[in-house]
Amino acid sequence: MGFRIASIELIRLLNAEALEPQVVKNEAGEILRESKPFRSAIDDSLSTKNVSKVLFDTRQINLANWDMGETLFLALKDKRDGHDFVETAYQLGIRQFLVSEVQEDWKNFESCIFYKVENVLGSLQQLASWYRTQLRMPVVGITGSNGKTVVKEWLFEL
């Protein structure tokens, strides 16, 4: 079972600032305009975007069976900084990013959205909480030191 959330709703839920990287240069190569916030919640670019998958590890991308247009890459900070993998995710086709900082090298990325928040992990927890409210079935937690996978598989078969 998956989920889908509209970009506009995601911005409201996470209290995020949506940034559109954009570099406009004149004929001499001088930068006229750089990254800018989207004009409003009804901006055409945002009104047609959705998120249905969340990803924080670029090694998990299955290129053959993945909808890149609705994938949100989370730049989590832990032992490694997820912001270091935004460019790789962009090269693999992802166009929506949840970040806590916007880096200079990303300004040449085309047709993508950066959702800027203070805490990416906290925003992931908010998104998970929202998702739980969307479920119309009970949620079962399987815990313990041993046997979780077997029990999960048995329940799936039932």
N, C-alpha and C. Protein backbone atom coordinates (compact mmCIF):
# COMPACT_ATOMS: atom_id res chain seq x y z
N MET A 1 0.84 -1.17 0.00
CA MET A 1 0.00 0.00 0.00
C MET A 1 0.89 1.24 0.00
N GLY A 2 0.59 2.15 -0.91
CA GLY A 2 1.38 3.36 -1.01
C GLY A 2 0.62 4.57 -0.51
N PHE A 3 1.20 5.70 -0.74
CA PHE A 3 0.55 6.94 -0.37
C PHE A 3 0.78 7.95 -1.48
N ARG A 4 0.02 9.00 -1.46
CA ARG A 4 0.22 10.11 -2.40
C ARG A 4 -0.20 11.38 -1.68
N ILE A 5 0.67 12.37 -1.76
CA ILE A 5 0.38 13.67 -1.17
C ILE A 5 0.75 14.75 -2.19
N ALA A 6 -0.12 15.71 -2.36
CA ALA A 6 0.15 16.82 -3.28
C ALA A 6 1.24 17.71 -2.70
N SER A 7 2.04 18.27 -3.57
CA SER A 7 3.14 19.14 -3.13
C SER A 7 2.65 20.29 -2.27
N ILE A 8 1.53 20.86 -2.64
CA ILE A 8 0.99 21.98 -1.87
C ILE A 8 0.66 21.54 -0.45
N GLU A 9 0.07 20.35 -0.32
CA GLU A 9 -0.26 19.82 1.00
C GLU A 9 1.01 19.48 1.79
N LEU A 10 2.03 18.97 1.09
CA LEU A 10 3.31 18.65 1.73
C LEU A 10 3.95 19.91 2.31
N ILE A 11 3.90 20.99 1.56
CA ILE A 11 4.47 22.27 2.02
C ILE A 11 3.77 22.74 3.28
N ARG A 12 2.45 22.65 3.29
CA ARG A 12 1.68 23.05 4.48
C ARG A 12 1.98 22.14 5.67
N LEU A 13 1.99 20.83 5.42
CA LEU A 13 2.21 19.85 6.48
C LEU A 13 3.57 20.04 7.15
N LEU A 14 4.60 20.26 6.36
CA LEU A 14 5.96 20.35 6.88
C LEU A 14 6.40 21.78 7.16
N ASN A 15 5.53 22.73 6.86
CA ASN A 15 5.88 24.14 7.01
C ASN A 15 7.18 24.42 6.25
N ALA A 16 7.23 23.95 5.02
CA ALA A 16 8.44 24.02 4.20
C ALA A 16 8.39 25.24 3.29
N GLU A 17 9.56 25.67 2.91
CA GLU A 17 9.69 26.72 1.90
C GLU A 17 10.03 26.01 0.60
N ALA A 18 9.22 26.19 -0.43
CA ALA A 18 9.47 25.54 -1.71
C ALA A 18 10.32 26.47 -2.57
N LEU A 19 11.47 25.96 -2.97
CA LEU A 19 12.39 26.75 -3.79
C LEU A 19 12.56 26.10 -5.15
N GLU A 20 12.57 26.95 -6.15
CA GLU A 20 12.77 26.51 -7.51
C GLU A 20 14.15 26.98 -7.94
N PRO A 21 15.09 26.06 -8.15
CA PRO A 21 16.40 26.53 -8.59
C PRO A 21 16.30 27.08 -9.99
N GLN A 22 16.82 28.24 -10.18
CA GLN A 22 16.71 28.85 -11.49
C GLN A 22 17.85 29.85 -11.65
N VAL A 23 18.58 29.68 -12.70
CA VAL A 23 19.64 30.63 -13.01
C VAL A 23 19.32 31.20 -14.38
N VAL A 24 19.10 32.49 -14.45
CA VAL A 24 18.83 33.17 -15.71
C VAL A 24 20.03 34.06 -15.99
N LYS A 25 20.65 33.84 -17.17
CA LYS A 25 21.84 34.62 -17.53
C LYS A 25 21.56 35.45 -18.78
N ASN A 26 22.24 36.56 -18.88
CA ASN A 26 22.12 37.36 -20.11
C ASN A 26 23.13 36.84 -21.13
N GLU A 27 23.22 37.50 -22.29
CA GLU A 27 24.11 37.02 -23.34
C GLU A 27 25.58 37.03 -22.93
N ALA A 28 25.93 37.91 -22.01
CA ALA A 28 27.32 38.00 -21.54
C ALA A 28 27.63 36.94 -20.48
N GLY A 29 26.62 36.17 -20.09
CA GLY A 29 26.83 35.14 -19.09
C GLY A 29 26.67 35.63 -17.67
N GLU A 30 26.21 36.86 -17.51
CA GLU A 30 26.00 37.39 -16.16
C GLU A 30 24.68 36.88 -15.62
N ILE A 31 24.67 36.53 -14.34
CA ILE A 31 23.46 36.01 -13.71
C ILE A 31 22.49 37.16 -13.44
N LEU A 32 21.28 37.04 -13.98
CA LEU A 32 20.26 38.05 -13.76
C LEU A 32 19.34 37.69 -12.60
N ARG A 33 19.03 36.39 -12.47
CA ARG A 33 18.14 35.95 -11.41
C ARG A 33 18.55 34.55 -10.97
N GLU A 34 18.52 34.33 -9.66
CA GLU A 34 18.90 33.02 -9.13
C GLU A 34 17.69 32.35 -8.51
N SER A 35 17.94 31.33 -7.68
CA SER A 35 16.86 30.56 -7.07
C SER A 35 15.82 31.48 -6.46
N LYS A 36 14.59 31.08 -6.60
CA LYS A 36 13.52 31.90 -6.07
C LYS A 36 12.46 31.02 -5.44
N PRO A 37 11.75 31.56 -4.46
CA PRO A 37 10.63 30.81 -3.92
C PRO A 37 9.49 30.77 -4.95
N PHE A 38 8.69 29.74 -4.87
CA PHE A 38 7.51 29.70 -5.73
C PHE A 38 6.61 30.87 -5.36
N ARG A 39 5.89 31.37 -6.33
CA ARG A 39 5.09 32.58 -6.13
C ARG A 39 4.01 32.40 -5.07
N SER A 40 3.31 31.30 -5.12
CA SER A 40 2.22 31.09 -4.17
C SER A 40 1.86 29.62 -4.14
N ALA A 41 0.93 29.28 -3.28
CA ALA A 41 0.50 27.89 -3.16
C ALA A 41 -0.23 27.41 -4.41
N ILE A 42 -0.66 28.33 -5.27
CA ILE A 42 -1.37 27.90 -6.48
C ILE A 42 -0.48 27.97 -7.72
N ASP A 43 0.81 28.06 -7.52
CA ASP A 43 1.76 28.07 -8.63
C ASP A 43 1.52 26.82 -9.48
N ASP A 44 1.50 26.99 -10.79
CA ASP A 44 1.24 25.87 -11.70
C ASP A 44 2.19 24.71 -11.50
N SER A 45 3.47 25.01 -11.27
CA SER A 45 4.45 23.94 -11.10
C SER A 45 4.13 23.08 -9.90
N LEU A 46 3.65 23.70 -8.83
CA LEU A 46 3.36 22.95 -7.62
C LEU A 46 2.02 22.24 -7.68
N SER A 47 1.07 22.84 -8.34
CA SER A 47 -0.27 22.27 -8.32
C SER A 47 -0.35 20.93 -9.04
N THR A 48 0.63 20.63 -9.88
CA THR A 48 0.60 19.36 -10.60
C THR A 48 1.56 18.32 -10.02
N LYS A 49 2.32 18.67 -9.00
CA LYS A 49 3.31 17.74 -8.42
C LYS A 49 2.70 16.96 -7.26
N ASN A 50 3.10 15.69 -7.18
CA ASN A 50 2.71 14.82 -6.08
C ASN A 50 3.94 14.09 -5.57
N VAL A 51 3.84 13.56 -4.37
CA VAL A 51 4.87 12.70 -3.81
C VAL A 51 4.20 11.38 -3.45
N SER A 52 4.75 10.28 -3.95
CA SER A 52 4.19 8.97 -3.61
C SER A 52 5.26 8.00 -3.10
N LYS A 53 6.52 8.41 -3.20
CA LYS A 53 7.61 7.59 -2.68
C LYS A 53 8.60 8.49 -1.96
N VAL A 54 9.21 7.95 -0.92
CA VAL A 54 10.21 8.68 -0.15
C VAL A 54 11.49 7.87 -0.19
N LEU A 55 12.60 8.54 -0.43
CA LEU A 55 13.87 7.85 -0.59
C LEU A 55 14.96 8.64 0.12
N PHE A 56 15.85 7.96 0.82
CA PHE A 56 16.97 8.65 1.45
C PHE A 56 18.30 7.98 1.14
N ASP A 57 18.30 6.96 0.29
CA ASP A 57 19.52 6.27 -0.09
C ASP A 57 19.49 6.06 -1.60
N THR A 58 20.38 6.72 -2.33
CA THR A 58 20.36 6.63 -3.79
C THR A 58 20.67 5.22 -4.28
N ARG A 59 21.26 4.38 -3.45
CA ARG A 59 21.54 3.00 -3.86
C ARG A 59 20.26 2.17 -3.94
N GLN A 60 19.18 2.66 -3.38
CA GLN A 60 17.92 1.92 -3.37
C GLN A 60 17.07 2.16 -4.61
N ILE A 61 17.52 3.03 -5.48
CA ILE A 61 16.72 3.35 -6.66
C ILE A 61 16.74 2.17 -7.63
N ASN A 62 15.56 1.69 -7.95
CA ASN A 62 15.40 0.63 -8.95
C ASN A 62 14.96 1.34 -10.22
N LEU A 63 15.88 1.63 -11.09
CA LEU A 63 15.61 2.45 -12.27
C LEU A 63 14.53 1.86 -13.17
N ALA A 64 14.41 0.56 -13.22
CA ALA A 64 13.45 -0.06 -14.12
C ALA A 64 12.02 0.09 -13.64
N ASN A 65 11.81 0.20 -12.34
CA ASN A 65 10.45 0.16 -11.81
C ASN A 65 10.21 1.29 -10.80
N TRP A 66 10.62 2.48 -11.14
CA TRP A 66 10.55 3.58 -10.18
C TRP A 66 9.97 4.81 -10.85
N ASP A 67 8.99 5.43 -10.23
CA ASP A 67 8.43 6.67 -10.76
C ASP A 67 9.21 7.84 -10.18
N MET A 68 10.18 8.33 -10.92
CA MET A 68 11.05 9.40 -10.42
C MET A 68 10.29 10.70 -10.21
N GLY A 69 9.26 10.93 -11.00
CA GLY A 69 8.52 12.18 -10.92
C GLY A 69 7.82 12.39 -9.59
N GLU A 70 7.48 11.30 -8.91
CA GLU A 70 6.77 11.42 -7.63
C GLU A 70 7.63 10.97 -6.45
N THR A 71 8.93 10.90 -6.65
CA THR A 71 9.84 10.48 -5.59
C THR A 71 10.42 11.70 -4.90
N LEU A 72 10.43 11.66 -3.57
CA LEU A 72 11.00 12.74 -2.75
C LEU A 72 12.28 12.21 -2.11
N PHE A 73 13.40 12.86 -2.40
CA PHE A 73 14.67 12.47 -1.80
C PHE A 73 14.87 13.27 -0.52
N LEU A 74 15.13 12.56 0.58
CA LEU A 74 15.35 13.20 1.87
C LEU A 74 16.85 13.30 2.14
N ALA A 75 17.34 14.49 2.38
CA ALA A 75 18.75 14.71 2.67
C ALA A 75 18.95 14.63 4.19
N LEU A 76 18.92 13.40 4.71
CA LEU A 76 19.08 13.19 6.15
C LEU A 76 20.54 13.36 6.56
N LYS A 77 20.75 13.86 7.75
CA LYS A 77 22.11 14.00 8.28
C LYS A 77 22.28 13.01 9.43
N ASP A 78 23.30 12.15 9.29
CA ASP A 78 23.65 11.20 10.35
C ASP A 78 25.15 11.02 10.27
N LYS A 79 25.61 9.80 10.12
CA LYS A 79 27.05 9.58 9.94
C LYS A 79 27.52 10.23 8.65
N ARG A 80 26.64 10.23 7.66
CA ARG A 80 26.91 10.89 6.39
C ARG A 80 25.84 11.94 6.17
N ASP A 81 26.16 12.94 5.40
CA ASP A 81 25.23 14.03 5.13
C ASP A 81 24.51 13.76 3.81
N GLY A 82 23.20 13.61 3.88
CA GLY A 82 22.40 13.34 2.69
C GLY A 82 22.48 14.43 1.64
N HIS A 83 22.84 15.65 2.04
CA HIS A 83 22.98 16.73 1.08
C HIS A 83 24.10 16.43 0.07
N ASP A 84 25.05 15.59 0.46
CA ASP A 84 26.14 15.21 -0.44
C ASP A 84 25.67 14.30 -1.56
N PHE A 85 24.46 13.75 -1.45
CA PHE A 85 23.95 12.81 -2.44
C PHE A 85 22.81 13.39 -3.29
N VAL A 86 22.50 14.66 -3.09
CA VAL A 86 21.44 15.30 -3.87
C VAL A 86 21.78 15.30 -5.35
N GLU A 87 23.01 15.61 -5.69
CA GLU A 87 23.40 15.63 -7.11
C GLU A 87 23.27 14.25 -7.74
N THR A 88 23.67 13.20 -7.02
CA THR A 88 23.53 11.84 -7.53
C THR A 88 22.06 11.50 -7.76
N ALA A 89 21.22 11.87 -6.79
CA ALA A 89 19.78 11.63 -6.93
C ALA A 89 19.22 12.38 -8.14
N TYR A 90 19.68 13.61 -8.33
CA TYR A 90 19.24 14.39 -9.49
C TYR A 90 19.65 13.70 -10.79
N GLN A 91 20.89 13.23 -10.85
CA GLN A 91 21.38 12.54 -12.05
C GLN A 91 20.61 11.26 -12.33
N LEU A 92 20.07 10.63 -11.28
CA LEU A 92 19.27 9.42 -11.44
C LEU A 92 17.81 9.72 -11.79
N GLY A 93 17.45 11.01 -11.84
CA GLY A 93 16.12 11.39 -12.31
C GLY A 93 15.18 11.93 -11.26
N ILE A 94 15.60 12.01 -10.01
CA ILE A 94 14.72 12.55 -8.97
C ILE A 94 14.68 14.06 -9.11
N ARG A 95 13.48 14.64 -8.92
CA ARG A 95 13.31 16.07 -9.11
C ARG A 95 12.68 16.78 -7.91
N GLN A 96 12.47 16.07 -6.80
CA GLN A 96 11.93 16.68 -5.59
C GLN A 96 12.84 16.31 -4.42
N PHE A 97 13.22 17.33 -3.65
CA PHE A 97 14.20 17.13 -2.58
C PHE A 97 13.75 17.81 -1.31
N LEU A 98 13.87 17.11 -0.19
CA LEU A 98 13.60 17.69 1.13
C LEU A 98 14.95 17.92 1.79
N VAL A 99 15.30 19.19 1.98
CA VAL A 99 16.63 19.57 2.45
C VAL A 99 16.54 20.57 3.59
N SER A 100 17.65 20.70 4.32
CA SER A 100 17.71 21.73 5.36
C SER A 100 18.59 22.89 4.94
N GLU A 101 19.26 22.75 3.81
CA GLU A 101 20.09 23.82 3.27
C GLU A 101 20.11 23.68 1.75
N VAL A 102 20.24 24.78 1.06
CA VAL A 102 20.32 24.76 -0.39
C VAL A 102 21.74 25.15 -0.77
N GLN A 103 22.39 24.29 -1.54
CA GLN A 103 23.78 24.52 -1.90
C GLN A 103 23.90 25.21 -3.26
N GLU A 104 24.97 25.93 -3.43
CA GLU A 104 25.21 26.72 -4.64
C GLU A 104 25.21 25.86 -5.90
N ASP A 105 25.81 24.64 -5.84
CA ASP A 105 25.92 23.82 -7.06
C ASP A 105 24.58 23.31 -7.57
N TRP A 106 23.54 23.42 -6.80
CA TRP A 106 22.24 22.90 -7.23
C TRP A 106 21.47 23.89 -8.08
N LYS A 107 21.97 25.09 -8.24
CA LYS A 107 21.22 26.13 -8.96
C LYS A 107 21.07 25.84 -10.44
N ASN A 108 21.87 24.95 -10.98
CA ASN A 108 21.74 24.60 -12.39
C ASN A 108 20.82 23.41 -12.62
N PHE A 109 20.27 22.85 -11.55
CA PHE A 109 19.33 21.74 -11.69
C PHE A 109 18.04 22.29 -12.30
N GLU A 110 17.55 21.63 -13.31
CA GLU A 110 16.34 22.10 -13.99
C GLU A 110 15.13 21.28 -13.57
N SER A 111 13.98 21.92 -13.59
CA SER A 111 12.68 21.27 -13.37
C SER A 111 12.62 20.50 -12.06
N CYS A 112 13.12 21.08 -10.99
CA CYS A 112 13.03 20.40 -9.71
C CYS A 112 12.60 21.37 -8.61
N ILE A 113 12.21 20.79 -7.49
CA ILE A 113 11.74 21.57 -6.35
C ILE A 113 12.55 21.16 -5.13
N PHE A 114 12.98 22.15 -4.38
CA PHE A 114 13.62 21.90 -3.09
C PHE A 114 12.64 22.35 -2.01
N TYR A 115 12.26 21.45 -1.14
CA TYR A 115 11.43 21.79 0.02
C TYR A 115 12.41 22.00 1.17
N LYS A 116 12.57 23.24 1.58
CA LYS A 116 13.54 23.55 2.63
C LYS A 116 12.84 23.58 3.99
N VAL A 117 13.38 22.78 4.92
CA VAL A 117 12.86 22.70 6.29
C VAL A 117 14.04 22.82 7.25
N GLU A 118 13.74 23.05 8.51
CA GLU A 118 14.81 23.14 9.51
C GLU A 118 15.40 21.77 9.82
N ASN A 119 14.55 20.77 9.94
CA ASN A 119 15.00 19.45 10.37
C ASN A 119 14.36 18.39 9.45
N VAL A 120 15.18 17.77 8.62
CA VAL A 120 14.67 16.79 7.66
C VAL A 120 14.12 15.56 8.38
N LEU A 121 14.80 15.07 9.40
CA LEU A 121 14.33 13.90 10.15
C LEU A 121 12.99 14.21 10.83
N GLY A 122 12.87 15.36 11.44
CA GLY A 122 11.60 15.76 12.06
C GLY A 122 10.48 15.85 11.04
N SER A 123 10.81 16.32 9.84
CA SER A 123 9.81 16.40 8.77
C SER A 123 9.39 15.01 8.30
N LEU A 124 10.34 14.08 8.24
CA LEU A 124 10.00 12.70 7.90
C LEU A 124 9.05 12.12 8.93
N GLN A 125 9.29 12.41 10.20
CA GLN A 125 8.41 11.93 11.26
C GLN A 125 7.02 12.54 11.13
N GLN A 126 6.93 13.81 10.77
CA GLN A 126 5.63 14.45 10.55
C GLN A 126 4.90 13.80 9.38
N LEU A 127 5.64 13.51 8.31
CA LEU A 127 5.04 12.87 7.14
C LEU A 127 4.54 11.47 7.49
N ALA A 128 5.31 10.73 8.28
CA ALA A 128 4.89 9.39 8.71
C ALA A 128 3.63 9.47 9.58
N SER A 129 3.59 10.45 10.45
CA SER A 129 2.41 10.65 11.29
C SER A 129 1.19 10.97 10.44
N TRP A 130 1.35 11.83 9.46
CA TRP A 130 0.25 12.17 8.54
C TRP A 130 -0.23 10.91 7.82
N TYR A 131 0.73 10.10 7.34
CA TYR A 131 0.39 8.89 6.61
C TYR A 131 -0.43 7.94 7.48
N ARG A 132 -0.06 7.81 8.73
CA ARG A 132 -0.80 6.94 9.65
C ARG A 132 -2.24 7.39 9.78
N THR A 133 -2.48 8.71 9.77
CA THR A 133 -3.86 9.20 9.88
C THR A 133 -4.68 8.88 8.63
N GLN A 134 -4.00 8.61 7.51
CA GLN A 134 -4.69 8.30 6.26
C GLN A 134 -5.12 6.84 6.18
N LEU A 135 -4.53 5.98 7.01
CA LEU A 135 -4.84 4.55 6.97
C LEU A 135 -6.21 4.28 7.56
N ARG A 136 -6.92 3.36 6.94
CA ARG A 136 -8.23 2.99 7.44
C ARG A 136 -8.22 1.57 8.00
N MET A 137 -7.06 1.09 8.32
CA MET A 137 -6.92 -0.25 8.85
C MET A 137 -6.05 -0.19 10.11
N PRO A 138 -6.15 -1.19 10.95
CA PRO A 138 -5.30 -1.17 12.16
C PRO A 138 -3.83 -1.36 11.80
N VAL A 139 -2.98 -0.75 12.58
CA VAL A 139 -1.53 -0.89 12.42
C VAL A 139 -1.05 -1.86 13.49
N VAL A 140 -0.30 -2.88 13.08
CA VAL A 140 0.20 -3.89 14.00
C VAL A 140 1.71 -3.77 14.05
N GLY A 141 2.25 -3.71 15.26
CA GLY A 141 3.70 -3.68 15.44
C GLY A 141 4.19 -5.04 15.88
N ILE A 142 5.17 -5.56 15.19
CA ILE A 142 5.76 -6.85 15.55
C ILE A 142 7.14 -6.55 16.11
N THR A 143 7.32 -6.86 17.39
CA THR A 143 8.58 -6.52 18.05
C THR A 143 9.20 -7.77 18.67
N GLY A 144 10.39 -7.62 19.17
CA GLY A 144 11.06 -8.72 19.84
C GLY A 144 12.44 -8.96 19.27
N SER A 145 13.15 -9.88 19.89
CA SER A 145 14.52 -10.17 19.46
C SER A 145 14.57 -11.20 18.34
N ASN A 146 13.64 -12.11 18.32
CA ASN A 146 13.66 -13.20 17.34
C ASN A 146 12.28 -13.40 16.72
N GLY A 147 12.28 -13.86 15.46
CA GLY A 147 11.05 -14.32 14.83
C GLY A 147 10.20 -13.28 14.16
N LYS A 148 10.63 -12.04 14.08
CA LYS A 148 9.80 -10.99 13.49
C LYS A 148 9.49 -11.26 12.01
N THR A 149 10.48 -11.66 11.27
CA THR A 149 10.28 -11.88 9.84
C THR A 149 9.32 -13.03 9.59
N VAL A 150 9.47 -14.12 10.31
CA VAL A 150 8.59 -15.27 10.13
C VAL A 150 7.14 -14.89 10.45
N VAL A 151 6.95 -14.19 11.56
CA VAL A 151 5.59 -13.77 11.95
C VAL A 151 5.01 -12.83 10.90
N LYS A 152 5.82 -11.89 10.42
CA LYS A 152 5.36 -10.96 9.38
C LYS A 152 4.93 -11.72 8.14
N GLU A 153 5.71 -12.69 7.71
CA GLU A 153 5.38 -13.48 6.52
C GLU A 153 4.13 -14.33 6.74
N TRP A 154 3.98 -14.92 7.91
CA TRP A 154 2.77 -15.68 8.21
C TRP A 154 1.54 -14.79 8.16
N LEU A 155 1.64 -13.60 8.75
CA LEU A 155 0.51 -12.68 8.71
C LEU A 155 0.17 -12.26 7.28
N PHE A 156 1.20 -12.07 6.48
CA PHE A 156 0.98 -11.72 5.08
C PHE A 156 0.21 -12.82 4.36
N GLU A 157 0.59 -14.07 4.60
CA GLU A 157 -0.06 -15.21 3.97
C GLU A 157 -1.53 -15.32 4.42
N LEU A 158 -1.80 -14.98 5.68
CA LEU A 158 -3.18 -15.04 6.17
C LEU A 158 -4.03 -14.01 5.47
